[in-house]
Amino acid sequence: MGHKSVRGEGTRPRVQHAGQLGWDESLYGEETDGQAPSGQQPSGDGPSGPEESGPQKQTSPDGGGHRRGRARGRVKKKGKRRILRWVASTLALLILGTAGAGYLYYQHLSANIRKGDRSAGGSNAKKTAANADGQTPLNILLIGSDSRNTPENLKLGGSKDSVGAPPLADVQMLLHVSADRKSASVVSIPRDTRVDIPECTDEKTKKKMPATNTVINESLGRGGAGCVLDTWENLTGVYIDHWLMVDFAGVVAMSDAVGGADVCVKQNVYDGPKPKVPGGSHLRLKAGTTTVKGEQALQWLRTRHAFESDLGRAKAQHMYLNSVMRNLKSQNAFSNPGRIMGLAETATKALQVSRELGTPKKIYDLGMELKGIPMDRINMLTMPRIEDPKDKDHVLPQPGAADALWSLLRDDKPLDKKDDAPAKTEDKGPAATPADSLPVTVVNGTGGDGSAPTAKRATTVKDTLKNKGFQKATAADTRGSATTTTLAYPKSAGAQGKADAMSVAKAMELPSSAVKVSADVTTLTLTVGSDWRTGATYPKKAADNADPLKDVENVNGANDKECMDVYAPYRW
């Protein structure tokens, strides 16, 4: 799609076209009229040149030579002007044509995108506050639908009996990108996890589905992707910015577009039907590493029996996603215009997205958010769980450990714990205000988890601050509500406010992630959450039995040596 552009006097600066895909939506809006910038003059239409000024030189006594010279000059200049006008007109047409093609292509991509409401009305989670640098984390729910309600999807899996049935969200993952964009986490919830699903309203039918307690994959059929999002928010307390959903056909198309993924099995595998276990993905691979794409990639992602359970399938899916990311980075796919074009064309057709994400530019920007994250700072795991006492085929979130995991996501802490350290005063920027003259307001928010708040907690923490030299610390008369402790400084305080907040965080052994910037406070405000009910300083470490990273399937993005064990009945 590349076009060559010639810059000259009076021509409009080169217009980006869709092939460059460094999109600026203003290029494709109504304000783009193709006119040259005001104040510019087309070349050749300016003031007269030197040959028309100054004394007139006579070439013959009768002056004829002079007149003939001037006539030849006029013809020559008119010719130049015609050429310059022709060039300018041609360039204008090329520029307008390029802009028009870019606009039409952008509209084409926009028309591909299927959008839906972000929420089905069943959640009230709050967006995470910005960190000390004004950055906010990004949370995106990734949903895999098992819908067979199109010929393409039916051909790829399932029986005709499933046509018309409500879809199930058999794959559910939360992608958390840290506020500083230095790390990312992916957390899967097994499809057979029993949870509370809130009341949801179906976007298309407007039918309301009452709240219920059942397995999480049924949430999709009770109100679409927005209902899945609401269920996650209620379970985790994590605000989710967007959702992305893909069906069988979409997986096949996207796999081909990205060039597949390298996956590994330790033994030969065939995930076919067994006498007492019908169905299967029909994945057939030899032991070792294979690049899977297209329908074979879908088979890999759907394989459950050969990997023993839905938990094994989640690990295999994480392996696949990590490989895709490594391949895209190695191909420079995030900066290659032609590569991006192909991915954009496929992605806009294959994905369904929440409405706020529903433009080609925003989908492109989402990909760019992941571009700079090192692979060793991407971690994928499955939610800690226990067997459901009501049904051994179902699971429940593990008390303590699952709660600790949700807390890590809410607090924007990396799952590899590389940055999980007490705050340190920074070398750059202004010095912190002396402790004895720094006002700090302490709020008791320990009832944020629904339990009774700890009595006089704000007063206790205020006294601790005074003992550490912060003589102007005061306890607020009113209570707040927070599941995690935060230290907010006024946005108007800028770098000085951040330096002051970091000095308090260091004194109280708060992690740097607790420091937030806020437009809603007028003074440095420490809100003590339900995660800090007792003790003079912030708890450094959760109990071992509440460690969310203990005994779970944790796959690091840089690990290309992962290999799946195959359940014995499915080996060949």
Protein backbone atom coordinates (compact mmCIF):
# COMPACT_ATOMS: atom_id res chain seq x y z
CA MET A 1 0.00 0.00 0.00
CA GLY A 2 3.00 2.31 0.10
CA HIS A 3 2.73 5.57 -1.87
CA LYS A 4 5.64 7.81 -2.69
CA SER A 5 5.15 11.43 -1.87
CA VAL A 6 7.06 14.43 -3.20
CA ARG A 7 7.30 17.45 -1.01
CA GLY A 8 7.50 20.84 -2.67
CA GLU A 9 6.54 24.42 -2.08
CA GLY A 10 2.84 24.80 -1.61
CA THR A 11 2.13 21.09 -1.19
CA ARG A 12 0.39 19.74 1.86
CA PRO A 13 2.55 17.73 4.29
CA ARG A 14 2.44 14.01 3.62
CA VAL A 15 -0.69 12.35 4.97
CA GLN A 16 -0.38 9.04 6.78
CA HIS A 17 -2.20 6.19 5.19
CA ALA A 18 -3.67 3.04 6.69
CA GLY A 19 -0.69 0.98 5.61
CA GLN A 20 1.40 2.79 8.20
CA LEU A 21 -1.11 1.99 10.92
CA GLY A 22 0.31 4.48 13.38
CA TRP A 23 -3.29 5.56 13.43
CA ASP A 24 -4.47 9.08 14.10
CA GLU A 25 -8.25 8.98 13.94
CA SER A 26 -8.37 12.69 13.12
CA LEU A 27 -6.98 11.78 9.70
CA TYR A 28 -10.16 9.89 8.95
CA GLY A 29 -12.75 12.24 10.43
CA GLU A 30 -14.91 14.93 8.88
CA GLU A 31 -12.36 17.62 9.67
CA THR A 32 -9.96 16.21 7.06
CA ASP A 33 -10.77 18.30 3.99
CA GLY A 34 -7.60 17.85 1.95
CA GLN A 35 -6.90 21.62 1.71
CA ALA A 36 -3.40 23.00 1.96
CA PRO A 37 -2.47 24.77 5.18
CA SER A 38 -3.52 28.40 5.24
CA GLY A 39 -0.84 31.00 4.52
CA GLN A 40 0.99 28.85 1.92
CA GLN A 41 1.29 30.04 -1.67
CA PRO A 42 1.49 27.61 -4.58
CA SER A 43 4.93 27.71 -6.17
CA GLY A 44 5.10 29.98 -9.25
CA ASP A 45 2.20 32.21 -8.21
CA GLY A 46 4.30 34.49 -6.05
CA PRO A 47 5.72 37.95 -6.87
CA SER A 48 7.43 38.54 -10.19
CA GLY A 49 10.95 37.25 -10.64
CA PRO A 50 14.12 39.31 -11.24
CA GLU A 51 13.67 39.40 -15.00
CA GLU A 52 10.63 41.68 -14.61
CA SER A 53 12.30 44.18 -12.31
CA GLY A 54 15.07 46.74 -12.67
CA PRO A 55 16.16 48.74 -15.79
CA GLN A 56 15.03 47.44 -19.13
CA LYS A 57 17.94 46.43 -21.37
CA GLN A 58 17.51 47.40 -25.09
CA THR A 59 18.71 44.80 -27.59
CA SER A 60 18.03 46.87 -30.81
CA PRO A 61 17.66 50.52 -31.69
CA ASP A 62 13.96 50.18 -32.35
CA GLY A 63 13.37 48.25 -29.14
CA GLY A 64 12.06 45.22 -31.00
CA GLY A 65 14.63 42.99 -29.48
CA HIS A 66 13.50 44.06 -26.04
CA ARG A 67 9.85 43.40 -26.80
CA ARG A 68 10.63 40.00 -28.29
CA GLY A 69 12.73 39.18 -25.20
CA ARG A 70 9.89 40.12 -22.90
CA ALA A 71 7.42 38.06 -24.96
CA ARG A 72 9.69 35.04 -24.85
CA GLY A 73 10.04 35.60 -21.07
CA ARG A 74 6.26 35.69 -20.66
CA VAL A 75 5.81 32.46 -22.66
CA LYS A 76 8.57 30.78 -20.73
CA LYS A 77 7.13 31.88 -17.37
CA LYS A 78 3.60 30.87 -18.34
CA GLY A 79 4.93 27.45 -19.28
CA LYS A 80 6.65 27.13 -15.93
CA ARG A 81 3.47 28.16 -14.15
CA ARG A 82 1.41 25.63 -16.10
CA ILE A 83 3.87 22.88 -15.17
CA LEU A 84 3.92 23.93 -11.52
CA ARG A 85 0.13 24.10 -11.41
CA TRP A 86 -0.09 20.67 -13.05
CA VAL A 87 2.38 19.25 -10.50
CA ALA A 88 0.48 20.87 -7.63
CA SER A 89 -2.83 19.53 -8.95
CA THR A 90 -1.40 16.06 -9.42
CA LEU A 91 0.06 16.06 -5.91
CA ALA A 92 -3.24 17.28 -4.49
CA LEU A 93 -5.07 14.42 -6.20
CA LEU A 94 -2.51 11.92 -4.92
CA ILE A 95 -2.77 13.27 -1.39
CA LEU A 96 -6.55 13.31 -1.46
CA GLY A 97 -6.57 9.83 -2.98
CA THR A 98 -4.25 8.51 -0.29
CA ALA A 99 -6.27 10.12 2.48
CA GLY A 100 -9.47 8.85 0.88
CA ALA A 101 -8.13 5.33 0.63
CA GLY A 102 -6.97 5.51 4.24
CA TYR A 103 -10.38 6.73 5.31
CA LEU A 104 -12.18 4.01 3.38
CA TYR A 105 -9.87 1.31 4.73
CA TYR A 106 -10.30 2.58 8.27
CA GLN A 107 -14.08 2.54 7.80
CA HIS A 108 -13.77 -1.00 6.42
CA LEU A 109 -11.91 -2.16 9.55
CA SER A 110 -14.42 -0.37 11.77
CA ALA A 111 -17.30 -2.12 10.01
CA ASN A 112 -15.66 -5.48 10.73
CA ILE A 113 -15.76 -4.99 14.48
CA ARG A 114 -18.62 -6.51 16.48
CA LYS A 115 -19.25 -4.59 19.68
CA GLY A 116 -21.26 -5.08 22.86
CA ASP A 117 -21.89 -3.39 26.19
CA ARG A 118 -19.01 -3.59 28.64
CA SER A 119 -21.30 -4.58 31.53
CA ALA A 120 -24.66 -6.30 31.85
CA GLY A 121 -25.57 -4.07 34.79
CA GLY A 122 -24.59 -6.41 37.60
CA SER A 123 -21.42 -4.85 39.02
CA ASN A 124 -20.27 -1.74 40.81
CA ALA A 125 -16.50 -2.30 41.01
CA LYS A 126 -14.46 0.89 41.14
CA LYS A 127 -11.65 1.75 38.76
CA THR A 128 -8.20 1.52 40.31
CA ALA A 129 -6.74 4.86 41.35
CA ALA A 130 -3.71 6.18 39.50
CA ASN A 131 -0.26 5.53 40.91
CA ALA A 132 2.14 8.25 41.99
CA ASP A 133 2.95 9.03 38.35
CA GLY A 134 -0.68 9.30 37.31
CA GLN A 135 -0.71 5.90 35.56
CA THR A 136 -3.49 3.33 35.87
CA PRO A 137 -3.39 -0.43 35.29
CA LEU A 138 -5.27 -2.02 32.41
CA ASN A 139 -7.51 -5.05 32.97
CA ILE A 140 -9.00 -6.94 30.02
CA LEU A 141 -11.18 -10.05 30.22
CA LEU A 142 -10.43 -12.62 27.51
CA ILE A 143 -13.39 -14.91 26.74
CA GLY A 144 -13.53 -18.01 24.57
CA SER A 145 -17.06 -18.91 23.48
CA ASP A 146 -18.11 -22.45 22.55
CA SER A 147 -21.03 -21.20 20.45
CA ARG A 148 -21.96 -23.49 17.55
CA ASN A 149 -24.55 -21.09 16.19
CA THR A 150 -22.78 -20.48 12.87
CA PRO A 151 -21.94 -23.04 10.18
CA GLU A 152 -18.23 -22.24 10.58
CA ASN A 153 -18.26 -22.91 14.33
CA LEU A 154 -20.40 -26.04 13.99
CA LYS A 155 -17.95 -27.47 11.47
CA LEU A 156 -15.07 -26.93 13.90
CA GLY A 157 -16.62 -28.61 16.92
CA GLY A 158 -19.78 -29.87 18.58
CA SER A 159 -22.97 -31.53 17.40
CA LYS A 160 -26.02 -30.21 15.63
CA ASP A 161 -27.93 -30.65 18.88
CA SER A 162 -25.95 -27.76 20.33
CA VAL A 163 -27.13 -25.28 17.67
CA GLY A 164 -29.34 -22.62 19.22
CA ALA A 165 -28.26 -23.39 22.79
CA PRO A 166 -26.93 -20.54 24.98
CA PRO A 167 -23.15 -20.27 24.54
CA LEU A 168 -20.77 -21.20 27.34
CA ALA A 169 -17.62 -19.27 28.21
CA ASP A 170 -15.30 -22.25 28.43
CA VAL A 171 -12.18 -20.05 28.43
CA GLN A 172 -11.97 -17.10 30.82
CA MET A 173 -8.74 -15.22 31.50
CA LEU A 174 -8.03 -11.83 33.02
CA LEU A 175 -5.13 -9.94 31.45
CA HIS A 176 -3.70 -7.43 33.93
CA VAL A 177 -1.17 -4.92 32.57
CA SER A 178 0.61 -2.96 35.29
CA ALA A 179 0.20 0.80 35.47
CA ASP A 180 3.85 1.37 34.57
CA ARG A 181 3.53 -1.13 31.67
CA LYS A 182 6.56 -3.05 32.93
CA SER A 183 4.80 -6.33 33.75
CA ALA A 184 1.66 -8.28 32.90
CA SER A 185 -0.28 -11.14 34.47
CA VAL A 186 -2.86 -13.54 33.08
CA VAL A 187 -5.14 -15.38 35.50
CA SER A 188 -7.49 -18.16 34.37
CA ILE A 189 -10.58 -19.31 36.23
CA PRO A 190 -11.58 -22.94 35.48
CA ARG A 191 -14.88 -23.16 33.65
CA ASP A 192 -16.40 -25.42 36.35
CA THR A 193 -15.78 -22.97 39.20
CA ARG A 194 -18.98 -22.43 41.20
CA VAL A 195 -19.54 -18.72 41.82
CA ASP A 196 -22.27 -16.15 42.41
CA ILE A 197 -23.50 -14.79 39.07
CA PRO A 198 -25.28 -11.43 39.53
CA GLU A 199 -28.51 -10.34 37.88
CA CYS A 200 -27.72 -9.63 34.23
CA THR A 201 -29.66 -8.03 31.39
CA ASP A 202 -29.14 -9.43 27.91
CA GLU A 203 -28.10 -6.59 25.60
CA LYS A 204 -30.02 -7.91 22.58
CA THR A 205 -33.23 -9.29 24.10
CA LYS A 206 -33.32 -6.95 27.15
CA LYS A 207 -34.32 -10.01 29.16
CA LYS A 208 -33.26 -9.96 32.81
CA MET A 209 -31.74 -13.09 34.28
CA PRO A 210 -31.93 -13.37 38.08
CA ALA A 211 -28.84 -13.79 40.22
CA THR A 212 -27.81 -17.38 40.74
CA ASN A 213 -25.04 -19.61 42.10
CA THR A 214 -23.66 -21.96 39.49
CA VAL A 215 -20.56 -22.69 37.39
CA ILE A 216 -18.93 -19.61 35.91
CA ASN A 217 -19.05 -20.68 32.25
CA GLU A 218 -22.87 -20.31 32.29
CA SER A 219 -22.50 -16.55 32.82
CA LEU A 220 -22.08 -15.95 29.07
CA GLY A 221 -25.51 -17.39 28.29
CA ARG A 222 -27.14 -15.30 31.02
CA GLY A 223 -26.33 -11.88 29.61
CA GLY A 224 -23.47 -12.06 27.15
CA ALA A 225 -19.86 -11.06 27.69
CA GLY A 226 -20.97 -8.18 29.92
CA CYS A 227 -22.40 -10.70 32.38
CA VAL A 228 -19.12 -12.62 32.42
CA LEU A 229 -17.35 -9.36 33.23
CA ASP A 230 -19.80 -8.54 36.03
CA THR A 231 -19.31 -12.01 37.53
CA TRP A 232 -15.53 -11.55 37.55
CA GLU A 233 -15.75 -8.10 39.09
CA ASN A 234 -18.03 -9.33 41.88
CA LEU A 235 -15.74 -12.27 42.58
CA THR A 236 -12.42 -10.42 42.49
CA GLY A 237 -13.20 -6.77 43.26
CA VAL A 238 -10.99 -5.89 40.26
CA TYR A 239 -12.34 -3.25 37.88
CA ILE A 240 -12.17 -4.62 34.33
CA ASP A 241 -11.78 -2.03 31.58
CA HIS A 242 -12.73 -4.14 28.54
CA TRP A 243 -13.57 -7.60 27.30
CA LEU A 244 -12.48 -9.44 24.16
CA MET A 245 -14.35 -12.54 22.96
CA VAL A 246 -13.47 -15.06 20.28
CA ASP A 247 -15.25 -18.16 18.99
CA PHE A 248 -13.89 -21.30 17.29
CA ALA A 249 -13.67 -19.76 13.83
CA GLY A 250 -12.01 -16.66 15.26
CA VAL A 251 -9.34 -18.76 16.98
CA VAL A 252 -8.50 -20.50 13.71
CA ALA A 253 -8.28 -17.20 11.80
CA MET A 254 -6.17 -15.46 14.44
CA SER A 255 -3.84 -18.44 14.73
CA ASP A 256 -3.16 -18.36 11.01
CA ALA A 257 -2.65 -14.58 11.10
CA VAL A 258 -0.05 -14.66 13.88
CA GLY A 259 1.79 -17.59 12.32
CA GLY A 260 0.89 -20.18 14.93
CA ALA A 261 2.58 -21.10 18.20
CA ASP A 262 5.20 -23.57 19.35
CA VAL A 263 3.77 -26.14 21.77
CA CYS A 264 5.26 -29.25 23.36
CA VAL A 265 4.05 -32.64 24.62
CA LYS A 266 6.24 -35.17 26.42
CA GLN A 267 4.49 -38.15 24.80
CA ASN A 268 2.61 -38.79 21.56
CA VAL A 269 -0.96 -37.61 22.05
CA TYR A 270 -4.33 -38.27 20.45
CA ASP A 271 -7.28 -36.64 22.22
CA GLY A 272 -9.99 -38.82 20.68
CA PRO A 273 -13.18 -40.38 22.11
CA LYS A 274 -12.98 -43.23 24.62
CA PRO A 275 -15.66 -45.81 25.51
CA LYS A 276 -16.70 -43.95 28.67
CA VAL A 277 -15.48 -40.50 27.63
CA PRO A 278 -17.01 -39.38 24.34
CA GLY A 279 -15.87 -36.39 22.38
CA GLY A 280 -12.40 -34.92 22.45
CA SER A 281 -10.52 -32.29 20.50
CA HIS A 282 -8.96 -34.84 18.07
CA LEU A 283 -5.54 -33.28 18.62
CA ARG A 284 -2.84 -35.62 17.32
CA LEU A 285 0.81 -34.74 17.85
CA LYS A 286 4.09 -36.55 18.18
CA ALA A 287 6.21 -36.05 21.28
CA GLY A 288 8.33 -32.91 21.22
CA THR A 289 7.75 -29.38 19.95
CA THR A 290 5.33 -28.61 17.11
CA THR A 291 4.19 -25.34 15.58
CA VAL A 292 0.39 -25.47 15.58
CA LYS A 293 -1.81 -23.10 13.60
CA GLY A 294 -5.30 -22.95 12.17
CA GLU A 295 -7.58 -25.84 13.14
CA GLN A 296 -4.76 -27.66 14.88
CA ALA A 297 -4.26 -24.63 17.15
CA LEU A 298 -7.94 -24.78 18.06
CA GLN A 299 -7.56 -28.47 18.88
CA TRP A 300 -4.65 -27.67 21.17
CA LEU A 301 -6.59 -24.96 22.99
CA ARG A 302 -9.63 -27.24 23.42
CA THR A 303 -7.75 -30.34 24.61
CA ARG A 304 -8.85 -31.29 28.12
CA HIS A 305 -9.02 -35.08 28.54
CA ALA A 306 -5.48 -35.74 27.30
CA PHE A 307 -4.16 -33.13 29.74
CA GLU A 308 -6.18 -34.78 32.57
CA SER A 309 -8.49 -31.87 33.43
CA ASP A 310 -9.59 -28.33 32.75
CA LEU A 311 -6.62 -27.23 34.86
CA GLY A 312 -4.21 -28.94 32.47
CA ARG A 313 -6.01 -27.31 29.57
CA ALA A 314 -5.51 -23.87 31.16
CA LYS A 315 -1.77 -24.51 31.43
CA ALA A 316 -1.65 -25.56 27.78
CA GLN A 317 -3.50 -22.37 26.81
CA HIS A 318 -0.98 -20.28 28.74
CA MET A 319 1.86 -22.04 26.94
CA TYR A 320 0.22 -21.21 23.61
CA LEU A 321 -0.32 -17.52 24.43
CA ASN A 322 3.23 -17.06 25.66
CA SER A 323 4.55 -18.63 22.45
CA VAL A 324 2.39 -16.33 20.33
CA MET A 325 3.79 -13.29 22.15
CA ARG A 326 7.37 -14.49 21.74
CA ASN A 327 6.81 -15.13 18.02
CA LEU A 328 5.23 -11.72 17.41
CA LYS A 329 8.10 -9.98 19.17
CA SER A 330 10.71 -11.96 17.24
CA GLN A 331 8.97 -11.06 13.95
CA ASN A 332 8.86 -7.33 14.84
CA ALA A 333 5.14 -7.65 14.19
CA PHE A 334 4.39 -4.62 16.36
CA SER A 335 6.40 -2.31 14.11
CA ASN A 336 6.09 -3.87 10.64
CA PRO A 337 3.32 -1.99 8.75
CA GLY A 338 2.50 -4.87 6.41
CA ARG A 339 2.37 -7.33 9.30
CA ILE A 340 0.15 -5.05 11.31
CA MET A 341 -2.18 -4.64 8.32
CA GLY A 342 -2.74 -8.39 8.11
CA LEU A 343 -3.26 -8.71 11.86
CA ALA A 344 -5.67 -5.76 11.89
CA GLU A 345 -7.75 -7.23 9.07
CA THR A 346 -8.05 -10.59 10.83
CA ALA A 347 -8.47 -9.27 14.36
CA THR A 348 -11.30 -6.90 13.50
CA LYS A 349 -13.20 -9.80 11.92
CA ALA A 350 -12.36 -12.48 14.50
CA LEU A 351 -12.87 -10.59 17.76
CA GLN A 352 -15.91 -9.24 19.51
CA VAL A 353 -15.06 -6.39 21.87
CA SER A 354 -16.65 -4.18 24.50
CA ARG A 355 -17.92 -0.94 23.04
CA GLU A 356 -15.20 1.27 24.55
CA LEU A 357 -12.60 -0.76 22.66
CA GLY A 358 -14.54 -0.74 19.41
CA THR A 359 -12.33 1.18 16.97
CA PRO A 360 -9.33 -0.05 14.96
CA LYS A 361 -7.13 2.54 16.63
CA LYS A 362 -8.02 1.38 20.14
CA ILE A 363 -7.43 -2.26 19.27
CA TYR A 364 -4.10 -1.25 17.73
CA ASP A 365 -3.20 0.78 20.83
CA LEU A 366 -4.00 -2.23 22.99
CA GLY A 367 -1.42 -4.27 21.10
CA MET A 368 1.10 -1.49 21.58
CA GLU A 369 0.50 -1.60 25.35
CA LEU A 370 2.02 -5.09 25.37
CA LYS A 371 4.86 -4.34 22.97
CA GLY A 372 7.42 -3.17 25.51
CA ILE A 373 6.76 -5.67 28.31
CA PRO A 374 9.70 -8.09 28.67
CA MET A 375 8.65 -11.72 28.29
CA ASP A 376 10.15 -12.61 31.68
CA ARG A 377 7.73 -10.12 33.27
CA ILE A 378 4.65 -11.87 31.85
CA ASN A 379 3.26 -14.54 34.18
CA MET A 380 0.22 -16.76 33.62
CA LEU A 381 -1.47 -18.91 36.25
CA THR A 382 -4.75 -20.54 37.23
CA MET A 383 -6.77 -19.40 40.22
CA PRO A 384 -6.00 -21.32 43.45
CA ARG A 385 -8.99 -23.64 44.05
CA ILE A 386 -10.38 -26.45 46.15
CA GLU A 387 -12.85 -29.21 45.36
CA ASP A 388 -16.49 -28.21 45.63
CA PRO A 389 -18.03 -30.21 48.49
CA LYS A 390 -21.37 -30.15 46.66
CA ASP A 391 -19.95 -31.64 43.44
CA LYS A 392 -16.51 -33.20 43.09
CA ASP A 393 -16.47 -32.26 39.39
CA HIS A 394 -16.63 -28.58 40.32
CA VAL A 395 -14.18 -26.33 42.17
CA LEU A 396 -14.35 -23.30 44.44
CA PRO A 397 -11.87 -20.42 44.89
CA GLN A 398 -9.43 -21.41 47.63
CA PRO A 399 -10.12 -19.30 50.73
CA GLY A 400 -7.18 -17.09 51.59
CA ALA A 401 -5.02 -17.86 48.56
CA ALA A 402 -7.58 -16.73 45.96
CA ASP A 403 -8.35 -13.63 48.04
CA ALA A 404 -4.63 -12.83 48.18
CA LEU A 405 -4.41 -13.19 44.39
CA TRP A 406 -7.29 -10.77 43.83
CA SER A 407 -5.60 -8.37 46.25
CA LEU A 408 -2.38 -8.49 44.21
CA LEU A 409 -4.33 -7.55 41.08
CA ARG A 410 -6.26 -4.77 42.83
CA ASP A 411 -3.01 -3.38 44.24
CA ASP A 412 -1.30 -3.65 40.85
CA LYS A 413 1.46 -5.90 42.19
CA PRO A 414 3.37 -8.16 39.79
CA LEU A 415 2.92 -11.90 40.26
CA ASP A 416 6.68 -12.44 40.06
CA LYS A 417 7.12 -10.16 43.12
CA LYS A 418 10.15 -8.47 41.56
CA ASP A 419 8.78 -5.04 42.42
CA ASP A 420 6.94 -6.02 45.62
CA ALA A 421 9.14 -4.16 48.09
CA PRO A 422 8.62 -1.41 50.68
CA ALA A 423 8.65 2.06 49.23
CA LYS A 424 11.96 3.88 49.03
CA THR A 425 12.44 7.59 48.93
CA GLU A 426 13.46 8.63 45.45
CA ASP A 427 16.77 10.25 44.58
CA LYS A 428 15.27 12.52 41.93
CA GLY A 429 12.78 15.31 42.42
CA PRO A 430 12.22 17.62 45.39
CA ALA A 431 13.12 16.64 48.93
CA ALA A 432 10.25 15.54 51.14
CA THR A 433 8.75 18.04 53.55
CA PRO A 434 10.21 17.57 57.06
CA ALA A 435 8.13 15.00 58.95
CA ASP A 436 7.29 17.32 61.86
CA SER A 437 5.61 19.84 59.53
CA LEU A 438 3.86 17.44 57.12
CA PRO A 439 0.06 17.10 57.64
CA VAL A 440 -1.27 13.54 57.22
CA THR A 441 -4.94 12.56 57.59
CA VAL A 442 -5.65 8.95 58.61
CA VAL A 443 -8.97 7.32 57.65
CA ASN A 444 -10.32 4.05 59.08
CA GLY A 445 -11.37 2.02 56.05
CA THR A 446 -10.99 -1.43 57.62
CA GLY A 447 -14.63 -2.31 56.98
CA GLY A 448 -14.04 -2.44 53.23
CA ASP A 449 -14.32 -6.23 53.08
CA GLY A 450 -17.82 -6.22 54.59
CA SER A 451 -16.68 -7.10 58.10
CA ALA A 452 -17.06 -4.80 61.09
CA PRO A 453 -14.33 -2.13 61.02
CA THR A 454 -11.57 -2.27 63.61
CA ALA A 455 -12.42 0.17 66.38
CA LYS A 456 -10.25 3.31 66.66
CA ARG A 457 -7.95 2.07 63.92
CA ALA A 458 -7.35 5.58 62.50
CA THR A 459 -6.36 6.84 65.97
CA THR A 460 -3.92 3.96 66.48
CA VAL A 461 -2.19 4.56 63.14
CA LYS A 462 -2.16 8.32 63.76
CA ASP A 463 -0.34 7.73 67.06
CA THR A 464 2.18 5.51 65.27
CA LEU A 465 2.85 8.28 62.75
CA LYS A 466 3.42 10.79 65.56
CA ASN A 467 5.89 8.41 67.19
CA LYS A 468 7.77 8.37 63.88
CA GLY A 469 7.99 12.17 63.81
CA PHE A 470 4.86 13.12 61.83
CA GLN A 471 3.51 15.47 64.50
CA LYS A 472 0.74 16.91 62.30
CA ALA A 473 -0.94 13.53 61.72
CA THR A 474 -4.66 13.53 62.53
CA ALA A 475 -7.43 10.92 62.61
CA ALA A 476 -10.47 11.64 60.42
CA ASP A 477 -13.86 11.79 62.13
CA THR A 478 -15.56 9.84 59.35
CA ARG A 479 -14.87 6.29 58.20
CA GLY A 480 -13.93 5.17 54.74
CA SER A 481 -14.14 1.80 53.01
CA ALA A 482 -11.14 0.08 51.43
CA THR A 483 -10.09 -3.52 50.96
CA THR A 484 -6.47 -2.42 50.51
CA THR A 485 -4.53 0.37 52.20
CA THR A 486 -3.76 3.45 50.08
CA LEU A 487 -1.77 6.62 50.62
CA ALA A 488 -3.15 9.35 48.36
CA TYR A 489 -1.63 12.75 47.75
CA PRO A 490 -3.37 15.69 45.99
CA LYS A 491 -2.90 15.85 42.26
CA SER A 492 -2.26 19.58 42.58
CA ALA A 493 0.77 18.87 44.80
CA GLY A 494 2.67 17.37 41.89
CA ALA A 495 6.21 16.12 42.45
CA GLN A 496 6.34 17.57 45.96
CA GLY A 497 3.21 15.65 46.93
CA LYS A 498 4.70 12.43 45.58
CA ALA A 499 7.95 12.97 47.52
CA ASP A 500 5.99 13.60 50.73
CA ALA A 501 3.85 10.50 50.20
CA MET A 502 6.89 8.32 49.58
CA SER A 503 8.47 9.49 52.84
CA VAL A 504 5.35 8.43 54.79
CA ALA A 505 5.16 5.12 52.90
CA LYS A 506 8.76 4.36 53.79
CA ALA A 507 8.18 5.15 57.46
CA MET A 508 5.14 2.85 57.64
CA GLU A 509 6.74 0.15 55.42
CA LEU A 510 4.02 0.48 52.80
CA PRO A 511 4.79 -0.85 49.29
CA SER A 512 5.24 1.81 46.63
CA SER A 513 2.08 0.51 44.91
CA ALA A 514 0.04 1.89 47.84
CA VAL A 515 0.97 5.47 46.86
CA LYS A 516 -1.68 7.03 44.63
CA VAL A 517 -2.34 10.45 43.16
CA SER A 518 -5.89 11.75 43.57
CA ALA A 519 -7.95 14.77 42.64
CA ASP A 520 -10.36 13.94 45.48
CA VAL A 521 -8.07 14.73 48.42
CA THR A 522 -6.75 18.07 49.61
CA THR A 523 -4.08 16.74 51.94
CA LEU A 524 -1.96 13.63 52.23
CA THR A 525 -4.47 10.91 53.18
CA LEU A 526 -3.70 7.44 54.52
CA THR A 527 -6.75 5.15 54.25
CA VAL A 528 -6.18 2.04 56.34
CA GLY A 529 -7.83 -0.88 54.55
CA SER A 530 -9.14 -4.22 55.74
CA ASP A 531 -5.76 -5.72 54.81
CA TRP A 532 -4.16 -3.86 57.78
CA ARG A 533 -6.39 -4.35 60.78
CA THR A 534 -3.63 -4.63 63.37
CA GLY A 535 0.01 -3.74 63.85
CA ALA A 536 2.06 -0.56 63.82
CA THR A 537 3.45 -1.08 60.32
CA TYR A 538 1.99 -2.59 57.19
CA PRO A 539 2.14 -6.42 57.06
CA LYS A 540 5.14 -7.45 54.99
CA LYS A 541 4.06 -10.90 53.95
CA ALA A 542 0.87 -12.95 53.78
CA ALA A 543 0.73 -16.28 55.59
CA ASP A 544 2.10 -19.26 53.65
CA ASN A 545 -1.35 -20.84 53.32
CA ALA A 546 -2.58 -17.64 51.64
CA ASP A 547 0.21 -17.50 49.05
CA PRO A 548 -1.56 -17.29 45.67
CA LEU A 549 1.53 -18.49 43.83
CA LYS A 550 1.96 -21.68 45.85
CA ASP A 551 1.02 -24.97 44.18
CA VAL A 552 -0.54 -23.35 41.09
CA GLU A 553 0.27 -23.70 37.39
CA ASN A 554 2.50 -20.65 36.86
CA VAL A 555 3.93 -20.24 33.33
CA ASN A 556 6.48 -17.48 32.76
CA GLY A 557 6.52 -15.83 29.35
CA ALA A 558 10.25 -16.31 28.84
CA ASN A 559 10.12 -20.05 29.51
CA ASP A 560 10.11 -21.79 26.13
CA LYS A 561 10.92 -25.19 27.66
CA GLU A 562 7.46 -25.97 29.04
CA CYS A 563 6.10 -29.34 27.93
CA MET A 564 2.75 -30.98 28.70
CA ASP A 565 2.39 -34.42 30.26
CA VAL A 566 -0.13 -36.55 28.38
CA TYR A 567 -2.61 -38.62 30.40
CA ALA A 568 -1.75 -42.29 29.78
CA PRO A 569 -5.02 -43.38 28.04
CA TYR A 570 -4.44 -40.71 25.37
CA ARG A 571 -0.89 -41.68 24.42
CA TRP A 572 -0.06 -43.58 21.23
